[in-house]
């Protein structure tokens, strides 16, 4: 299936959860903030949030420092 992540089409094997997508992209789920189809998603929801073809994700890495 194809989803759009940060404006780019990405093909992933389905079925897929948000957490498994992030891990497959080399991202640690605790190090990102995610918006799924315009809705902010709490990290506790990542393992249970299914992705569907055509979904849109905005993913921002959390960076600590000053």
PDB file of N, CA and C in Angstrom:
ATOM      1  N   UNK A   1       0.852  -1.179   0.000  1.00  0.00           N
ATOM      2  CA  UNK A   1       0.000   0.000   0.000  1.00  0.00           C
ATOM      3  C   UNK A   1       0.889   1.230   0.000  1.00  0.00           C
ATOM      4  N   UNK A   2       0.322   2.338  -0.422  1.00  0.00           N
ATOM      5  CA  UNK A   2       1.073   3.590  -0.495  1.00  0.00           C
ATOM      6  C   UNK A   2       0.462   4.605   0.461  1.00  0.00           C
ATOM      7  N   UNK A   3       1.338   5.247   1.241  1.00  0.00           N
ATOM      8  CA  UNK A   3       0.920   6.349   2.104  1.00  0.00           C
ATOM      9  C   UNK A   3       1.812   7.545   1.765  1.00  0.00           C
ATOM     10  N   UNK A   4       1.443   8.706   2.281  1.00  0.00           N
ATOM     11  CA  UNK A   4       2.238   9.910   2.067  1.00  0.00           C
ATOM     12  C   UNK A   4       2.815  10.327   3.415  1.00  0.00           C
ATOM     13  N   UNK A   5       4.148  10.347   3.489  1.00  0.00           N
ATOM     14  CA  UNK A   5       4.839  10.740   4.720  1.00  0.00           C
ATOM     15  C   UNK A   5       5.687  11.965   4.429  1.00  0.00           C
ATOM     16  N   UNK A   6       5.376  13.057   5.101  1.00  0.00           N
ATOM     17  CA  UNK A   6       6.084  14.327   4.907  1.00  0.00           C
ATOM     18  C   UNK A   6       6.122  14.726   3.430  1.00  0.00           C
ATOM     19  N   UNK A   7       4.993  14.527   2.749  1.00  0.00           N
ATOM     20  CA  UNK A   7       4.863  14.957   1.365  1.00  0.00           C
ATOM     21  C   UNK A   7       5.408  13.999   0.328  1.00  0.00           C
ATOM     22  N   UNK A   8       5.975  12.853   0.744  1.00  0.00           N
ATOM     23  CA  UNK A   8       6.537  11.891  -0.201  1.00  0.00           C
ATOM     24  C   UNK A   8       5.764  10.587  -0.130  1.00  0.00           C
ATOM     25  N   UNK A   9       5.481  10.003  -1.290  1.00  0.00           N
ATOM     26  CA  UNK A   9       4.800   8.713  -1.321  1.00  0.00           C
ATOM     27  C   UNK A   9       5.760   7.620  -0.872  1.00  0.00           C
ATOM     28  N   UNK A  10       5.279   6.756   0.027  1.00  0.00           N
ATOM     29  CA  UNK A  10       6.077   5.650   0.548  1.00  0.00           C
ATOM     30  C   UNK A  10       5.238   4.382   0.418  1.00  0.00           C
ATOM     31  N   UNK A  11       5.835   3.341  -0.136  1.00  0.00           N
ATOM     32  CA  UNK A  11       5.150   2.059  -0.257  1.00  0.00           C
ATOM     33  C   UNK A  11       5.534   1.189   0.924  1.00  0.00           C
ATOM     34  N   UNK A  12       4.526   0.655   1.608  1.00  0.00           N
ATOM     35  CA  UNK A  12       4.755  -0.213   2.765  1.00  0.00           C
ATOM     36  C   UNK A  12       3.916  -1.477   2.614  1.00  0.00           C
ATOM     37  N   UNK A  13       4.375  -2.543   3.260  1.00  0.00           N
ATOM     38  CA  UNK A  13       3.614  -3.789   3.260  1.00  0.00           C
ATOM     39  C   UNK A  13       2.455  -3.638   4.229  1.00  0.00           C
ATOM     40  N   UNK A  14       1.286  -4.068   3.831  1.00  0.00           N
ATOM     41  CA  UNK A  14       0.137  -3.984   4.718  1.00  0.00           C
ATOM     42  C   UNK A  14      -0.223  -5.350   5.241  1.00  0.00           C
ATOM     43  N   UNK A  15      -0.932  -5.469   6.314  1.00  0.00           N
ATOM     44  CA  UNK A  15      -1.339  -4.356   7.181  1.00  0.00           C
ATOM     45  C   UNK A  15      -0.154  -3.826   7.972  1.00  0.00           C
ATOM     46  N   UNK A  16      -0.269  -2.587   8.389  1.00  0.00           N
ATOM     47  CA  UNK A  16       0.848  -1.907   9.040  1.00  0.00           C
ATOM     48  C   UNK A  16       0.301  -0.950  10.099  1.00  0.00           C
ATOM     49  N   UNK A  17       0.941  -0.938  11.251  1.00  0.00           N
ATOM     50  CA  UNK A  17       0.591   0.044  12.284  1.00  0.00           C
ATOM     51  C   UNK A  17       1.526   1.236  12.174  1.00  0.00           C
ATOM     52  N   UNK A  18       1.162   2.313  12.803  1.00  0.00           N
ATOM     53  CA  UNK A  18       2.009   3.496  12.816  1.00  0.00           C
ATOM     54  C   UNK A  18       3.371   3.165  13.413  1.00  0.00           C
ATOM     55  N   UNK A  19       3.390   2.404  14.507  1.00  0.00           N
ATOM     56  CA  UNK A  19       4.664   2.055  15.143  1.00  0.00           C
ATOM     57  C   UNK A  19       5.548   1.230  14.209  1.00  0.00           C
ATOM     58  N   UNK A  20       4.980   0.225  13.554  1.00  0.00           N
ATOM     59  CA  UNK A  20       5.801  -0.606  12.662  1.00  0.00           C
ATOM     60  C   UNK A  20       6.295   0.205  11.464  1.00  0.00           C
ATOM     61  N   UNK A  21       5.503   1.168  10.992  1.00  0.00           N
ATOM     62  CA  UNK A  21       5.957   2.040   9.915  1.00  0.00           C
ATOM     63  C   UNK A  21       7.160   2.870  10.359  1.00  0.00           C
ATOM     64  N   UNK A  22       7.062   3.463  11.538  1.00  0.00           N
ATOM     65  CA  UNK A  22       8.160   4.288  12.036  1.00  0.00           C
ATOM     66  C   UNK A  22       9.439   3.476  12.177  1.00  0.00           C
ATOM     67  N   UNK A  23       9.335   2.282  12.754  1.00  0.00           N
ATOM     68  CA  UNK A  23      10.505   1.419  12.930  1.00  0.00           C
ATOM     69  C   UNK A  23      11.100   1.043  11.566  1.00  0.00           C
ATOM     70  N   UNK A  24      10.246   0.740  10.598  1.00  0.00           N
ATOM     71  CA  UNK A  24      10.716   0.390   9.255  1.00  0.00           C
ATOM     72  C   UNK A  24      11.439   1.559   8.583  1.00  0.00           C
ATOM     73  N   UNK A  25      11.093   2.776   8.977  1.00  0.00           N
ATOM     74  CA  UNK A  25      11.742   3.963   8.423  1.00  0.00           C
ATOM     75  C   UNK A  25      12.995   4.344   9.207  1.00  0.00           C
ATOM     76  N   UNK A  26      13.337   3.544  10.217  1.00  0.00           N
ATOM     77  CA  UNK A  26      14.530   3.813  11.018  1.00  0.00           C
ATOM     78  C   UNK A  26      14.333   4.879  12.073  1.00  0.00           C
ATOM     79  N   UNK A  27      13.081   5.105  12.465  1.00  0.00           N
ATOM     80  CA  UNK A  27      12.767   6.117  13.476  1.00  0.00           C
ATOM     81  C   UNK A  27      12.356   5.450  14.781  1.00  0.00           C
ATOM     82  N   UNK A  28      12.860   5.970  15.880  1.00  0.00           N
ATOM     83  CA  UNK A  28      12.426   5.487  17.185  1.00  0.00           C
ATOM     84  C   UNK A  28      11.096   6.146  17.518  1.00  0.00           C
ATOM     85  N   UNK A  29      10.066   5.359  17.790  1.00  0.00           N
ATOM     86  CA  UNK A  29       8.753   5.947  18.060  1.00  0.00           C
ATOM     87  C   UNK A  29       8.746   6.990  19.173  1.00  0.00           C
ATOM     88  N   UNK A  30       9.627   6.858  20.163  1.00  0.00           N
ATOM     89  CA  UNK A  30       9.650   7.828  21.263  1.00  0.00           C
ATOM     90  C   UNK A  30      10.388   9.113  20.901  1.00  0.00           C
ATOM     91  N   UNK A  31      10.967   9.160  19.695  1.00  0.00           N
ATOM     92  CA  UNK A  31      11.744  10.341  19.321  1.00  0.00           C
ATOM     93  C   UNK A  31      11.053  11.205  18.265  1.00  0.00           C
ATOM     94  N   UNK A  32       9.757  10.934  18.023  1.00  0.00           N
ATOM     95  CA  UNK A  32       9.045  11.689  16.985  1.00  0.00           C
ATOM     96  C   UNK A  32       7.665  12.143  17.475  1.00  0.00           C
ATOM     97  N   UNK A  33       7.170  13.170  16.798  1.00  0.00           N
ATOM     98  CA  UNK A  33       5.790  13.628  16.959  1.00  0.00           C
ATOM     99  C   UNK A  33       5.119  13.352  15.622  1.00  0.00           C
ATOM    100  N   UNK A  34       3.903  12.782  15.659  1.00  0.00           N
ATOM    101  CA  UNK A  34       3.251  12.366  14.413  1.00  0.00           C
ATOM    102  C   UNK A  34       1.846  12.947  14.322  1.00  0.00           C
ATOM    103  N   UNK A  35       1.533  13.426  13.121  1.00  0.00           N
ATOM    104  CA  UNK A  35       0.175  13.834  12.770  1.00  0.00           C
ATOM    105  C   UNK A  35      -0.302  12.849  11.704  1.00  0.00           C
ATOM    106  N   UNK A  36      -1.455  12.208  11.959  1.00  0.00           N
ATOM    107  CA  UNK A  36      -2.002  11.194  11.058  1.00  0.00           C
ATOM    108  C   UNK A  36      -3.311  11.717  10.493  1.00  0.00           C
ATOM    109  N   UNK A  37      -3.327  11.986   9.199  1.00  0.00           N
ATOM    110  CA  UNK A  37      -4.512  12.543   8.531  1.00  0.00           C
ATOM    111  C   UNK A  37      -5.025  13.792   9.237  1.00  0.00           C
ATOM    112  N   UNK A  38      -4.084  14.662   9.650  1.00  0.00           N
ATOM    113  CA  UNK A  38      -4.449  15.925  10.272  1.00  0.00           C
ATOM    114  C   UNK A  38      -4.705  15.873  11.759  1.00  0.00           C
ATOM    115  N   UNK A  39      -4.553  14.705  12.375  1.00  0.00           N
ATOM    116  CA  UNK A  39      -4.821  14.537  13.811  1.00  0.00           C
ATOM    117  C   UNK A  39      -3.533  14.156  14.535  1.00  0.00           C
ATOM    118  N   UNK A  40      -3.188  14.911  15.590  1.00  0.00           N
ATOM    119  CA  UNK A  40      -2.021  14.572  16.401  1.00  0.00           C
ATOM    120  C   UNK A  40      -2.256  13.224  17.078  1.00  0.00           C
ATOM    121  N   UNK A  41      -1.224  12.396  17.114  1.00  0.00           N
ATOM    122  CA  UNK A  41      -1.340  11.058  17.681  1.00  0.00           C
ATOM    123  C   UNK A  41      -0.416  10.952  18.895  1.00  0.00           C
ATOM    124  N   UNK A  42      -0.960  10.520  20.026  1.00  0.00           N
ATOM    125  CA  UNK A  42      -0.157  10.293  21.228  1.00  0.00           C
ATOM    126  C   UNK A  42       0.735   9.073  21.002  1.00  0.00           C
ATOM    127  N   UNK A  43       1.973   9.103  21.478  1.00  0.00           N
ATOM    128  CA  UNK A  43       2.861   7.948  21.315  1.00  0.00           C
ATOM    129  C   UNK A  43       2.278   6.639  21.841  1.00  0.00           C
ATOM    130  N   UNK A  44       1.441   6.712  22.851  1.00  0.00           N
ATOM    131  CA  UNK A  44       0.829   5.489  23.390  1.00  0.00           C
ATOM    132  C   UNK A  44      -0.120   4.831  22.387  1.00  0.00           C
ATOM    133  N   UNK A  45      -0.563   5.591  21.375  1.00  0.00           N
ATOM    134  CA  UNK A  45      -1.466   5.058  20.357  1.00  0.00           C
ATOM    135  C   UNK A  45      -0.735   4.457  19.153  1.00  0.00           C
ATOM    136  N   UNK A  46       0.574   4.688  19.018  1.00  0.00           N
ATOM    137  CA  UNK A  46       1.324   4.233  17.849  1.00  0.00           C
ATOM    138  C   UNK A  46       1.161   2.737  17.580  1.00  0.00           C
ATOM    139  N   UNK A  47       1.269   1.847  18.616  1.00  0.00           N
ATOM    140  CA  UNK A  47       1.188   0.406  18.327  1.00  0.00           C
ATOM    141  C   UNK A  47      -0.182  -0.053  17.822  1.00  0.00           C
ATOM    142  N   UNK A  48      -1.237   0.681  18.162  1.00  0.00           N
ATOM    143  CA  UNK A  48      -2.592   0.263  17.818  1.00  0.00           C
ATOM    144  C   UNK A  48      -3.218   1.075  16.685  1.00  0.00           C
ATOM    145  N   UNK A  49      -2.480   2.033  16.123  1.00  0.00           N
ATOM    146  CA  UNK A  49      -3.023   2.893  15.064  1.00  0.00           C
ATOM    147  C   UNK A  49      -2.737   2.274  13.699  1.00  0.00           C
ATOM    148  N   UNK A  50      -3.755   1.705  13.038  1.00  0.00           N
ATOM    149  CA  UNK A  50      -3.513   1.093  11.727  1.00  0.00           C
ATOM    150  C   UNK A  50      -3.378   2.158  10.634  1.00  0.00           C
ATOM    151  N   UNK A  51      -2.559   1.864   9.663  1.00  0.00           N
ATOM    152  CA  UNK A  51      -2.423   2.738   8.502  1.00  0.00           C
ATOM    153  C   UNK A  51      -3.206   2.129   7.345  1.00  0.00           C
ATOM    154  N   UNK A  52      -3.802   3.004   6.545  1.00  0.00           N
ATOM    155  CA  UNK A  52      -4.601   2.594   5.395  1.00  0.00           C
ATOM    156  C   UNK A  52      -4.000   3.228   4.137  1.00  0.00           C
ATOM    157  N   UNK A  53      -4.213   2.620   2.976  1.00  0.00           N
ATOM    158  CA  UNK A  53      -3.727   3.230   1.740  1.00  0.00           C
ATOM    159  C   UNK A  53      -4.227   4.669   1.603  1.00  0.00           C
ATOM    160  N   UNK A  54      -3.314   5.555   1.223  1.00  0.00           N
ATOM    161  CA  UNK A  54      -3.663   6.960   1.034  1.00  0.00           C
ATOM    162  C   UNK A  54      -3.556   7.821   2.275  1.00  0.00           C
ATOM    163  N   UNK A  55      -3.267   7.208   3.434  1.00  0.00           N
ATOM    164  CA  UNK A  55      -3.109   8.001   4.656  1.00  0.00           C
ATOM    165  C   UNK A  55      -1.974   9.000   4.494  1.00  0.00           C
ATOM    166  N   UNK A  56      -2.086  10.105   5.246  1.00  0.00           N
ATOM    167  CA  UNK A  56      -1.069  11.147   5.218  1.00  0.00           C
ATOM    168  C   UNK A  56      -0.471  11.290   6.610  1.00  0.00           C
ATOM    169  N   UNK A  57       0.856  11.269   6.659  1.00  0.00           N
ATOM    170  CA  UNK A  57       1.577  11.433   7.914  1.00  0.00           C
ATOM    171  C   UNK A  57       2.496  12.637   7.828  1.00  0.00           C
ATOM    172  N   UNK A  58       2.565  13.368   8.906  1.00  0.00           N
ATOM    173  CA  UNK A  58       3.592  14.391   9.083  1.00  0.00           C
ATOM    174  C   UNK A  58       4.387  13.948  10.299  1.00  0.00           C
ATOM    175  N   UNK A  59       5.671  13.762  10.118  1.00  0.00           N
ATOM    176  CA  UNK A  59       6.542  13.233  11.173  1.00  0.00           C
ATOM    177  C   UNK A  59       7.635  14.246  11.451  1.00  0.00           C
ATOM    178  N   UNK A  60       7.776  14.618  12.718  1.00  0.00           N
ATOM    179  CA  UNK A  60       8.796  15.564  13.134  1.00  0.00           C
ATOM    180  C   UNK A  60       9.649  14.919  14.209  1.00  0.00           C
ATOM    181  N   UNK A  61      10.957  14.939  14.015  1.00  0.00           N
ATOM    182  CA  UNK A  61      11.869  14.399  15.025  1.00  0.00           C
ATOM    183  C   UNK A  61      12.005  15.389  16.169  1.00  0.00           C
ATOM    184  N   UNK A  62      12.031  14.846  17.383  1.00  0.00           N
ATOM    185  CA  UNK A  62      12.233  15.671  18.577  1.00  0.00           C
ATOM    186  C   UNK A  62      13.734  15.808  18.787  1.00  0.00           C
ATOM    187  N   UNK A  63      14.196  17.060  18.927  1.00  0.00           N
ATOM    188  CA  UNK A  63      15.614  17.316  19.125  1.00  0.00           C
ATOM    189  C   UNK A  63      15.777  18.079  20.424  1.00  0.00           C
ATOM    190  N   UNK A  64      16.600  17.554  21.311  1.00  0.00           N
ATOM    191  CA  UNK A  64      16.869  18.221  22.591  1.00  0.00           C
ATOM    192  C   UNK A  64      18.094  19.122  22.433  1.00  0.00           C
ATOM    193  N   UNK A  65      18.140  20.137  23.228  1.00  0.00           N
ATOM    194  CA  UNK A  65      19.291  21.031  23.200  1.00  0.00           C
ATOM    195  C   UNK A  65      18.882  22.473  23.298  1.00  0.00           C
ATOM    196  N   UNK A  66      19.831  23.331  23.251  1.00  0.00           N
ATOM    197  CA  UNK A  66      19.500  24.729  23.424  1.00  0.00           C
ATOM    198  C   UNK A  66      20.109  25.643  22.465  1.00  0.00           C
TER     199      UNK A  66
END
